C-alpha cells in the first residue's frame, strides 16, 4: 500500500484542498500524522472517542473524516480531546479531514452523490446545480413526493440511507 505521504499528497490534489476555502476550524488535510505506514483505511463523518476506539480495534492506520478533530476550534487538551489524541498516538492512527473539499467535489463529493442518488441532472462540467422552487428539473412529470425521494434513496447502494431513513415512517 502507498505511504501516508503518498496518500495525503494524492488526496489533497484530488480534492483540491488548497484551492477550496473553508471554515478555519475545518483544518482540511492531514491533522494527525502516524508512523507513515498505511495498511488499512477507515472513514467516518465525525471523529470521536468511539470512532477512534473502533478504528483501533479494526487496525485502521488512516482514518478519513468529514468533520475533523479541531472542528470545535482551539481548545485545551483535556477530557475528550486528550482521550482522542491518546488513542490516535497509541494506535498509530493518522487522521485526515476533508469538509467542503469533499462536499463540493464534482465526482465523489457528498453533493454529487446525493444528486445522483436522487436522479437529478448535474450542471455544467459535472458540477452540482443549484435548484430553486419551480425548477423544471424538480417539477412536471418528474416531480417526486417526499415519500418517492426517500424510497429512491433507500434503493441506492449506499447502506447509510437504508439504516437511517425509514420510508414507511
N, C-alpha and C. Protein backbone atom coordinates (compact mmCIF):
# COMPACT_ATOMS: atom_id res chain seq x y z
N UNK A 1 0.85 -1.18 0.00
CA UNK A 1 0.00 0.00 0.00
C UNK A 1 0.90 1.24 0.00
N UNK A 2 0.42 2.32 -0.61
CA UNK A 2 1.23 3.56 -0.62
C UNK A 2 1.46 4.09 0.80
N UNK A 3 2.45 4.94 0.94
CA UNK A 3 2.75 5.53 2.24
C UNK A 3 1.71 6.60 2.59
N UNK A 4 1.70 6.99 3.84
CA UNK A 4 0.81 8.06 4.28
C UNK A 4 1.07 9.31 3.45
N UNK A 5 2.30 9.64 3.25
CA UNK A 5 2.66 10.83 2.48
C UNK A 5 2.10 10.77 1.06
N UNK A 6 2.21 9.62 0.42
CA UNK A 6 1.68 9.46 -0.94
C UNK A 6 0.16 9.63 -0.96
N UNK A 7 -0.51 9.03 0.01
CA UNK A 7 -1.98 9.12 0.07
C UNK A 7 -2.42 10.55 0.34
N UNK A 8 -1.75 11.23 1.25
CA UNK A 8 -2.11 12.61 1.58
C UNK A 8 -1.89 13.52 0.38
N UNK A 9 -0.76 13.37 -0.29
CA UNK A 9 -0.48 14.19 -1.48
C UNK A 9 -1.54 13.97 -2.55
N UNK A 10 -1.86 12.72 -2.82
CA UNK A 10 -2.87 12.40 -3.83
C UNK A 10 -4.24 12.97 -3.43
N UNK A 11 -4.64 12.76 -2.19
CA UNK A 11 -5.96 13.19 -1.73
C UNK A 11 -6.06 14.71 -1.71
N UNK A 12 -5.02 15.39 -1.24
CA UNK A 12 -5.01 16.86 -1.26
C UNK A 12 -5.21 17.38 -2.68
N UNK A 13 -4.50 16.78 -3.64
CA UNK A 13 -4.62 17.20 -5.05
C UNK A 13 -6.00 16.86 -5.61
N UNK A 14 -6.46 15.64 -5.38
CA UNK A 14 -7.73 15.17 -5.93
C UNK A 14 -8.90 16.02 -5.42
N UNK A 15 -8.89 16.35 -4.13
CA UNK A 15 -9.97 17.14 -3.53
C UNK A 15 -9.73 18.64 -3.63
N UNK A 16 -8.56 19.04 -4.16
CA UNK A 16 -8.21 20.45 -4.31
C UNK A 16 -8.25 21.19 -2.97
N UNK A 17 -7.70 20.56 -1.95
CA UNK A 17 -7.75 21.09 -0.59
C UNK A 17 -7.20 22.51 -0.50
N UNK A 18 -6.10 22.80 -1.18
CA UNK A 18 -5.50 24.14 -1.08
C UNK A 18 -6.31 25.20 -1.83
N UNK A 19 -7.19 24.79 -2.74
CA UNK A 19 -7.96 25.74 -3.54
C UNK A 19 -9.34 26.03 -2.96
N UNK A 20 -9.86 25.13 -2.14
CA UNK A 20 -11.22 25.26 -1.65
C UNK A 20 -11.21 25.97 -0.30
N UNK A 21 -11.85 27.13 -0.25
CA UNK A 21 -11.96 27.85 1.01
C UNK A 21 -12.89 27.12 1.95
N UNK A 22 -12.66 27.24 3.22
CA UNK A 22 -13.50 26.56 4.20
C UNK A 22 -13.40 27.32 5.51
N UNK A 23 -14.21 26.92 6.44
CA UNK A 23 -14.17 27.45 7.78
C UNK A 23 -12.80 27.11 8.37
N UNK A 24 -12.18 28.05 9.07
CA UNK A 24 -10.83 27.84 9.59
C UNK A 24 -10.69 26.58 10.44
N UNK A 25 -11.68 26.28 11.26
CA UNK A 25 -11.58 25.12 12.14
C UNK A 25 -11.72 23.79 11.41
N UNK A 26 -12.11 23.83 10.14
CA UNK A 26 -12.22 22.58 9.39
C UNK A 26 -10.84 21.92 9.27
N UNK A 27 -9.80 22.71 9.12
CA UNK A 27 -8.42 22.24 9.01
C UNK A 27 -8.34 21.03 8.06
N UNK A 28 -8.68 21.28 6.80
CA UNK A 28 -8.69 20.21 5.79
C UNK A 28 -7.28 19.68 5.55
N UNK A 29 -7.20 18.38 5.38
CA UNK A 29 -5.93 17.72 5.12
C UNK A 29 -5.51 16.86 6.31
N UNK A 30 -4.23 16.55 6.35
CA UNK A 30 -3.70 15.70 7.42
C UNK A 30 -3.72 16.46 8.75
N UNK A 31 -4.40 15.90 9.73
CA UNK A 31 -4.50 16.53 11.04
C UNK A 31 -3.61 15.85 12.07
N UNK A 32 -3.46 14.55 11.95
CA UNK A 32 -2.56 13.79 12.83
C UNK A 32 -1.74 12.86 11.94
N UNK A 33 -0.44 12.91 12.11
CA UNK A 33 0.46 12.04 11.36
C UNK A 33 0.69 10.76 12.16
N UNK A 34 0.87 9.64 11.45
CA UNK A 34 1.27 8.41 12.13
C UNK A 34 2.71 8.09 11.73
N UNK A 35 3.12 6.85 11.87
CA UNK A 35 4.49 6.46 11.55
C UNK A 35 4.79 6.51 10.06
N UNK A 36 3.77 6.70 9.25
CA UNK A 36 3.97 6.80 7.80
C UNK A 36 3.48 5.60 7.03
N UNK A 37 3.15 4.52 7.73
CA UNK A 37 2.65 3.32 7.06
C UNK A 37 1.14 3.28 7.10
N UNK A 38 0.56 2.85 5.97
CA UNK A 38 -0.89 2.70 5.90
C UNK A 38 -1.19 1.32 5.33
N UNK A 39 -1.90 0.53 6.11
CA UNK A 39 -2.31 -0.80 5.64
C UNK A 39 -3.83 -0.94 5.62
N UNK A 40 -4.52 -0.09 6.39
CA UNK A 40 -5.97 -0.18 6.44
C UNK A 40 -6.56 1.21 6.63
N UNK A 41 -7.53 1.55 5.77
CA UNK A 41 -8.22 2.84 5.83
C UNK A 41 -9.56 2.69 6.54
N UNK A 42 -9.97 3.75 7.21
CA UNK A 42 -11.30 3.82 7.80
C UNK A 42 -11.90 5.17 7.47
N UNK A 43 -13.21 5.29 7.56
CA UNK A 43 -13.88 6.56 7.27
C UNK A 43 -15.04 6.77 8.24
N UNK A 44 -15.27 8.03 8.58
CA UNK A 44 -16.38 8.40 9.46
C UNK A 44 -16.78 9.83 9.16
N UNK A 45 -17.98 10.19 9.54
CA UNK A 45 -18.42 11.58 9.36
C UNK A 45 -17.69 12.47 10.36
N UNK A 46 -17.68 12.07 11.61
CA UNK A 46 -17.06 12.86 12.68
C UNK A 46 -16.03 12.01 13.40
N UNK A 47 -14.97 12.65 13.85
CA UNK A 47 -14.02 11.94 14.71
C UNK A 47 -14.54 12.04 16.14
N UNK A 48 -14.43 10.96 16.87
CA UNK A 48 -14.87 10.92 18.26
C UNK A 48 -14.07 9.84 18.97
N UNK A 49 -14.19 9.80 20.28
CA UNK A 49 -13.52 8.75 21.04
C UNK A 49 -14.03 7.38 20.58
N UNK A 50 -15.33 7.27 20.39
CA UNK A 50 -15.91 5.99 19.95
C UNK A 50 -15.39 5.58 18.57
N UNK A 51 -15.31 6.53 17.64
CA UNK A 51 -14.82 6.23 16.30
C UNK A 51 -13.36 5.80 16.36
N UNK A 52 -12.54 6.51 17.12
CA UNK A 52 -11.12 6.15 17.22
C UNK A 52 -10.93 4.81 17.92
N UNK A 53 -11.76 4.51 18.90
CA UNK A 53 -11.68 3.21 19.58
C UNK A 53 -11.99 2.09 18.59
N UNK A 54 -13.04 2.28 17.80
CA UNK A 54 -13.40 1.28 16.79
C UNK A 54 -12.31 1.16 15.73
N UNK A 55 -11.73 2.28 15.32
CA UNK A 55 -10.64 2.25 14.34
C UNK A 55 -9.46 1.45 14.89
N UNK A 56 -9.14 1.65 16.16
CA UNK A 56 -8.04 0.92 16.78
C UNK A 56 -8.34 -0.58 16.82
N UNK A 57 -9.58 -0.96 17.16
CA UNK A 57 -9.95 -2.38 17.19
C UNK A 57 -9.82 -3.03 15.82
N UNK A 58 -10.05 -2.24 14.78
CA UNK A 58 -10.02 -2.77 13.41
C UNK A 58 -8.66 -2.56 12.73
N UNK A 59 -7.68 -2.12 13.50
CA UNK A 59 -6.32 -1.90 12.99
C UNK A 59 -6.27 -0.89 11.85
N UNK A 60 -7.11 0.12 11.92
CA UNK A 60 -7.09 1.21 10.93
C UNK A 60 -5.90 2.09 11.26
N UNK A 61 -5.10 2.42 10.24
CA UNK A 61 -3.99 3.34 10.49
C UNK A 61 -4.13 4.66 9.76
N UNK A 62 -5.19 4.82 8.96
CA UNK A 62 -5.53 6.13 8.39
C UNK A 62 -7.05 6.26 8.44
N UNK A 63 -7.50 7.22 9.22
CA UNK A 63 -8.92 7.49 9.37
C UNK A 63 -9.23 8.78 8.63
N UNK A 64 -10.18 8.71 7.69
CA UNK A 64 -10.59 9.88 6.92
C UNK A 64 -11.97 10.30 7.42
N UNK A 65 -12.09 11.59 7.80
CA UNK A 65 -13.34 12.09 8.37
C UNK A 65 -13.78 13.36 7.65
N UNK A 66 -15.08 13.63 7.76
CA UNK A 66 -15.65 14.84 7.17
C UNK A 66 -15.48 16.03 8.12
N UNK A 67 -15.71 15.81 9.40
CA UNK A 67 -15.52 16.84 10.42
C UNK A 67 -14.37 16.40 11.31
N UNK A 68 -13.28 17.12 11.22
CA UNK A 68 -12.06 16.70 11.88
C UNK A 68 -12.00 16.98 13.37
N UNK A 69 -10.85 16.71 13.89
CA UNK A 69 -10.59 16.78 15.33
C UNK A 69 -10.72 18.18 15.90
N UNK A 70 -10.44 19.19 15.09
CA UNK A 70 -10.39 20.55 15.60
C UNK A 70 -11.62 21.37 15.23
N UNK A 71 -12.70 20.67 14.85
CA UNK A 71 -13.95 21.31 14.47
C UNK A 71 -14.44 22.32 15.51
N UNK A 72 -14.36 21.99 16.81
CA UNK A 72 -14.85 22.96 17.82
C UNK A 72 -13.93 24.18 17.98
N UNK A 73 -12.78 24.19 17.35
CA UNK A 73 -11.84 25.31 17.48
C UNK A 73 -10.74 25.00 18.47
N UNK A 74 -9.93 26.01 18.71
CA UNK A 74 -8.81 25.88 19.64
C UNK A 74 -9.36 25.60 21.03
N UNK A 75 -8.82 24.58 21.67
CA UNK A 75 -9.32 24.19 22.99
C UNK A 75 -8.21 23.52 23.79
N UNK A 76 -8.32 23.52 25.10
CA UNK A 76 -7.33 22.85 25.93
C UNK A 76 -7.34 21.34 25.65
N UNK A 77 -6.20 20.72 25.77
CA UNK A 77 -6.10 19.27 25.56
C UNK A 77 -6.41 18.58 26.88
N UNK A 78 -7.69 18.30 27.05
CA UNK A 78 -8.17 17.59 28.24
C UNK A 78 -9.46 16.87 27.87
N UNK A 79 -9.92 16.04 28.74
CA UNK A 79 -11.18 15.29 28.56
C UNK A 79 -11.19 14.55 27.23
N UNK A 80 -12.23 14.79 26.41
CA UNK A 80 -12.43 14.03 25.16
C UNK A 80 -11.27 14.23 24.19
N UNK A 81 -10.81 15.47 24.02
CA UNK A 81 -9.70 15.71 23.09
C UNK A 81 -8.45 14.97 23.53
N UNK A 82 -8.16 14.95 24.81
CA UNK A 82 -6.99 14.22 25.33
C UNK A 82 -7.12 12.73 25.02
N UNK A 83 -8.31 12.16 25.28
CA UNK A 83 -8.53 10.73 25.00
C UNK A 83 -8.38 10.43 23.51
N UNK A 84 -8.91 11.31 22.68
CA UNK A 84 -8.84 11.10 21.23
C UNK A 84 -7.40 11.15 20.73
N UNK A 85 -6.65 12.12 21.18
CA UNK A 85 -5.24 12.21 20.78
C UNK A 85 -4.46 11.00 21.28
N UNK A 86 -4.71 10.61 22.52
CA UNK A 86 -4.04 9.45 23.10
C UNK A 86 -4.34 8.19 22.29
N UNK A 87 -5.60 7.98 21.93
CA UNK A 87 -5.98 6.81 21.12
C UNK A 87 -5.26 6.82 19.78
N UNK A 88 -5.23 7.98 19.14
CA UNK A 88 -4.57 8.08 17.84
C UNK A 88 -3.08 7.79 17.97
N UNK A 89 -2.42 8.40 18.94
CA UNK A 89 -0.98 8.21 19.10
C UNK A 89 -0.63 6.78 19.50
N UNK A 90 -1.34 6.23 20.48
CA UNK A 90 -1.03 4.88 20.96
C UNK A 90 -1.30 3.80 19.91
N UNK A 91 -2.22 4.07 18.99
CA UNK A 91 -2.58 3.07 17.98
C UNK A 91 -2.07 3.43 16.59
N UNK A 92 -1.20 4.42 16.51
CA UNK A 92 -0.56 4.84 15.26
C UNK A 92 -1.61 5.14 14.17
N UNK A 93 -2.65 5.88 14.55
CA UNK A 93 -3.71 6.23 13.62
C UNK A 93 -3.49 7.65 13.11
N UNK A 94 -3.34 7.79 11.80
CA UNK A 94 -3.29 9.10 11.16
C UNK A 94 -4.73 9.56 10.95
N UNK A 95 -4.93 10.87 10.97
CA UNK A 95 -6.27 11.42 10.78
C UNK A 95 -6.23 12.45 9.66
N UNK A 96 -7.13 12.28 8.69
CA UNK A 96 -7.25 13.19 7.56
C UNK A 96 -8.69 13.71 7.54
N UNK A 97 -8.84 15.03 7.52
CA UNK A 97 -10.17 15.63 7.47
C UNK A 97 -10.40 16.34 6.15
N UNK A 98 -11.61 16.20 5.61
CA UNK A 98 -11.99 16.91 4.38
C UNK A 98 -13.44 17.34 4.49
N UNK A 99 -13.66 18.63 4.63
CA UNK A 99 -15.01 19.16 4.80
C UNK A 99 -15.56 19.66 3.47
N UNK A 100 -15.47 20.95 3.18
CA UNK A 100 -16.01 21.47 1.92
C UNK A 100 -15.34 20.86 0.69
N UNK A 101 -14.04 20.57 0.70
CA UNK A 101 -13.48 19.92 -0.49
C UNK A 101 -14.18 18.60 -0.82
N UNK A 102 -14.65 17.90 0.19
CA UNK A 102 -15.39 16.67 -0.07
C UNK A 102 -16.85 16.96 -0.42
N UNK A 103 -17.45 17.94 0.21
CA UNK A 103 -18.83 18.30 -0.12
C UNK A 103 -18.97 18.66 -1.60
N UNK A 104 -18.06 19.47 -2.12
CA UNK A 104 -18.26 20.05 -3.45
C UNK A 104 -17.54 19.33 -4.58
N UNK A 105 -16.83 18.26 -4.30
CA UNK A 105 -16.12 17.57 -5.38
C UNK A 105 -17.13 17.12 -6.44
N UNK A 106 -16.87 17.43 -7.73
CA UNK A 106 -17.87 17.14 -8.77
C UNK A 106 -18.10 15.66 -9.07
N UNK A 107 -17.20 14.80 -8.66
CA UNK A 107 -17.38 13.37 -8.95
C UNK A 107 -17.69 12.53 -7.72
N UNK A 108 -16.96 12.73 -6.64
CA UNK A 108 -17.12 11.89 -5.45
C UNK A 108 -17.66 12.66 -4.26
N UNK A 109 -18.00 13.91 -4.46
CA UNK A 109 -18.47 14.75 -3.37
C UNK A 109 -19.82 14.33 -2.83
N UNK A 110 -20.07 14.70 -1.60
CA UNK A 110 -21.34 14.37 -0.96
C UNK A 110 -22.52 14.92 -1.76
N UNK A 111 -22.39 16.17 -2.25
CA UNK A 111 -23.47 16.76 -3.03
C UNK A 111 -23.69 16.00 -4.34
N UNK A 112 -22.63 15.66 -5.05
CA UNK A 112 -22.75 14.94 -6.32
C UNK A 112 -23.36 13.56 -6.09
N UNK A 113 -22.98 12.89 -5.01
CA UNK A 113 -23.54 11.57 -4.72
C UNK A 113 -25.02 11.66 -4.39
N UNK A 114 -25.42 12.69 -3.65
CA UNK A 114 -26.84 12.86 -3.32
C UNK A 114 -27.65 13.18 -4.57
N UNK A 115 -27.14 14.06 -5.43
CA UNK A 115 -27.82 14.39 -6.68
C UNK A 115 -27.98 13.13 -7.53
N UNK A 116 -26.93 12.32 -7.61
CA UNK A 116 -27.01 11.08 -8.38
C UNK A 116 -28.03 10.12 -7.77
N UNK A 117 -28.04 10.01 -6.46
CA UNK A 117 -28.98 9.10 -5.79
C UNK A 117 -30.42 9.54 -6.02
N UNK A 118 -30.63 10.85 -6.14
CA UNK A 118 -31.97 11.36 -6.38
C UNK A 118 -32.34 11.35 -7.86
N UNK A 119 -31.36 11.05 -8.72
CA UNK A 119 -31.64 11.02 -10.15
C UNK A 119 -31.78 12.39 -10.77
N UNK A 120 -31.21 13.40 -10.13
CA UNK A 120 -31.29 14.76 -10.66
C UNK A 120 -30.12 15.00 -11.61
N UNK A 121 -30.28 15.92 -12.57
CA UNK A 121 -29.19 16.19 -13.52
C UNK A 121 -28.08 17.00 -12.87
N UNK A 122 -26.85 16.73 -13.31
CA UNK A 122 -25.72 17.55 -12.89
C UNK A 122 -25.65 18.77 -13.78
N UNK A 123 -25.03 19.82 -13.29
CA UNK A 123 -24.90 21.05 -14.06
C UNK A 123 -23.72 20.98 -15.01
N UNK A 124 -23.27 22.13 -15.45
CA UNK A 124 -22.18 22.26 -16.40
C UNK A 124 -20.90 21.63 -15.84
N UNK A 125 -20.17 20.88 -16.64
CA UNK A 125 -18.90 20.22 -16.28
C UNK A 125 -19.04 19.31 -15.07
N UNK A 126 -20.23 18.75 -14.87
CA UNK A 126 -20.41 17.78 -13.80
C UNK A 126 -20.62 18.38 -12.44
N UNK A 127 -20.69 19.71 -12.34
CA UNK A 127 -20.89 20.33 -11.04
C UNK A 127 -22.36 20.24 -10.64
N UNK A 128 -22.58 20.18 -9.36
CA UNK A 128 -23.93 20.09 -8.83
C UNK A 128 -24.64 21.42 -9.08
N UNK A 129 -25.81 21.35 -9.65
CA UNK A 129 -26.61 22.55 -9.92
C UNK A 129 -27.34 22.98 -8.67
N UNK A 130 -27.60 24.26 -8.57
CA UNK A 130 -28.47 24.78 -7.52
C UNK A 130 -29.89 24.74 -8.06
N UNK A 131 -30.83 24.28 -7.29
CA UNK A 131 -32.21 24.20 -7.72
C UNK A 131 -33.05 25.18 -6.93
N UNK A 132 -34.04 25.75 -7.60
CA UNK A 132 -34.99 26.65 -6.94
C UNK A 132 -36.37 26.04 -7.05
N UNK A 133 -37.25 26.47 -6.21
CA UNK A 133 -38.64 26.04 -6.29
C UNK A 133 -39.16 26.34 -7.69
N UNK A 134 -39.80 25.37 -8.30
CA UNK A 134 -40.33 25.56 -9.64
C UNK A 134 -39.33 25.24 -10.74
N UNK A 135 -38.11 24.85 -10.41
CA UNK A 135 -37.11 24.48 -11.41
C UNK A 135 -37.64 23.29 -12.21
N UNK A 136 -37.50 23.31 -13.55
CA UNK A 136 -38.01 22.20 -14.35
C UNK A 136 -37.46 20.84 -13.95
N UNK A 137 -36.25 20.80 -13.40
CA UNK A 137 -35.67 19.51 -13.00
C UNK A 137 -36.42 18.91 -11.82
N UNK A 138 -37.15 19.76 -11.09
CA UNK A 138 -37.87 19.28 -9.91
C UNK A 138 -39.39 19.27 -10.11
N UNK A 139 -39.85 19.77 -11.24
CA UNK A 139 -41.29 19.89 -11.46
C UNK A 139 -41.72 19.05 -12.65
N UNK A 140 -43.01 19.10 -12.94
CA UNK A 140 -43.56 18.43 -14.11
C UNK A 140 -43.65 16.94 -13.89
N UNK A 141 -43.56 16.17 -15.00
CA UNK A 141 -43.77 14.73 -14.89
C UNK A 141 -42.71 14.05 -14.02
N UNK A 142 -41.56 14.71 -13.80
CA UNK A 142 -40.51 14.11 -12.99
C UNK A 142 -40.69 14.41 -11.51
N UNK A 143 -41.70 15.20 -11.15
CA UNK A 143 -41.89 15.58 -9.75
C UNK A 143 -41.90 14.35 -8.85
N UNK A 144 -41.30 14.53 -7.71
CA UNK A 144 -41.24 13.43 -6.76
C UNK A 144 -41.77 13.93 -5.41
N UNK A 145 -42.56 13.13 -4.78
CA UNK A 145 -43.01 13.45 -3.43
C UNK A 145 -41.87 13.12 -2.46
N UNK A 146 -42.01 13.60 -1.25
CA UNK A 146 -41.00 13.27 -0.23
C UNK A 146 -40.90 11.76 -0.07
N UNK A 147 -42.04 11.07 -0.11
CA UNK A 147 -42.05 9.60 0.01
C UNK A 147 -41.25 8.97 -1.13
N UNK A 148 -41.43 9.46 -2.36
CA UNK A 148 -40.71 8.91 -3.51
C UNK A 148 -39.21 9.16 -3.39
N UNK A 149 -38.84 10.32 -2.88
CA UNK A 149 -37.41 10.64 -2.71
C UNK A 149 -36.79 9.69 -1.68
N UNK A 150 -37.47 9.48 -0.56
CA UNK A 150 -36.96 8.57 0.47
C UNK A 150 -36.84 7.16 -0.10
N UNK A 151 -37.86 6.71 -0.83
CA UNK A 151 -37.81 5.37 -1.43
C UNK A 151 -36.64 5.25 -2.41
N UNK A 152 -36.40 6.30 -3.19
CA UNK A 152 -35.28 6.27 -4.15
C UNK A 152 -33.95 6.18 -3.41
N UNK A 153 -33.80 6.96 -2.34
CA UNK A 153 -32.56 6.91 -1.55
C UNK A 153 -32.34 5.53 -0.95
N UNK A 154 -33.41 4.88 -0.54
CA UNK A 154 -33.30 3.56 0.07
C UNK A 154 -32.94 2.49 -0.96
N UNK A 155 -33.05 2.78 -2.23
CA UNK A 155 -32.68 1.83 -3.28
C UNK A 155 -31.22 1.98 -3.69
N UNK A 156 -30.54 3.03 -3.21
CA UNK A 156 -29.15 3.25 -3.59
C UNK A 156 -28.26 2.25 -2.88
N UNK A 157 -27.09 1.96 -3.46
CA UNK A 157 -26.19 1.00 -2.81
C UNK A 157 -25.60 1.51 -1.51
N UNK A 158 -25.69 2.81 -1.23
CA UNK A 158 -25.12 3.37 -0.02
C UNK A 158 -25.96 2.92 1.18
N UNK A 159 -25.41 2.05 2.00
CA UNK A 159 -26.17 1.48 3.12
C UNK A 159 -26.58 2.51 4.16
N UNK A 160 -25.95 3.68 4.18
CA UNK A 160 -26.31 4.71 5.15
C UNK A 160 -27.80 5.02 5.07
N UNK A 161 -28.30 5.21 3.85
CA UNK A 161 -29.70 5.58 3.68
C UNK A 161 -30.61 4.48 4.21
N UNK A 162 -30.23 3.24 3.98
CA UNK A 162 -31.06 2.13 4.40
C UNK A 162 -31.15 2.04 5.92
N UNK A 163 -30.08 2.40 6.59
CA UNK A 163 -30.08 2.32 8.05
C UNK A 163 -30.75 3.54 8.69
N UNK A 164 -30.60 4.70 8.09
CA UNK A 164 -31.01 5.93 8.75
C UNK A 164 -32.37 6.45 8.29
N UNK A 165 -32.87 6.01 7.14
CA UNK A 165 -34.10 6.55 6.61
C UNK A 165 -35.12 5.43 6.49
N UNK A 166 -36.27 5.63 7.08
CA UNK A 166 -37.32 4.64 7.01
C UNK A 166 -38.44 5.16 6.14
N UNK A 167 -38.63 4.62 4.91
CA UNK A 167 -39.64 5.16 4.02
C UNK A 167 -41.06 5.03 4.54
N UNK A 168 -41.30 4.14 5.47
CA UNK A 168 -42.66 3.96 5.96
C UNK A 168 -42.95 4.83 7.19
N UNK A 169 -41.96 5.60 7.63
CA UNK A 169 -42.18 6.44 8.81
C UNK A 169 -42.97 7.70 8.47
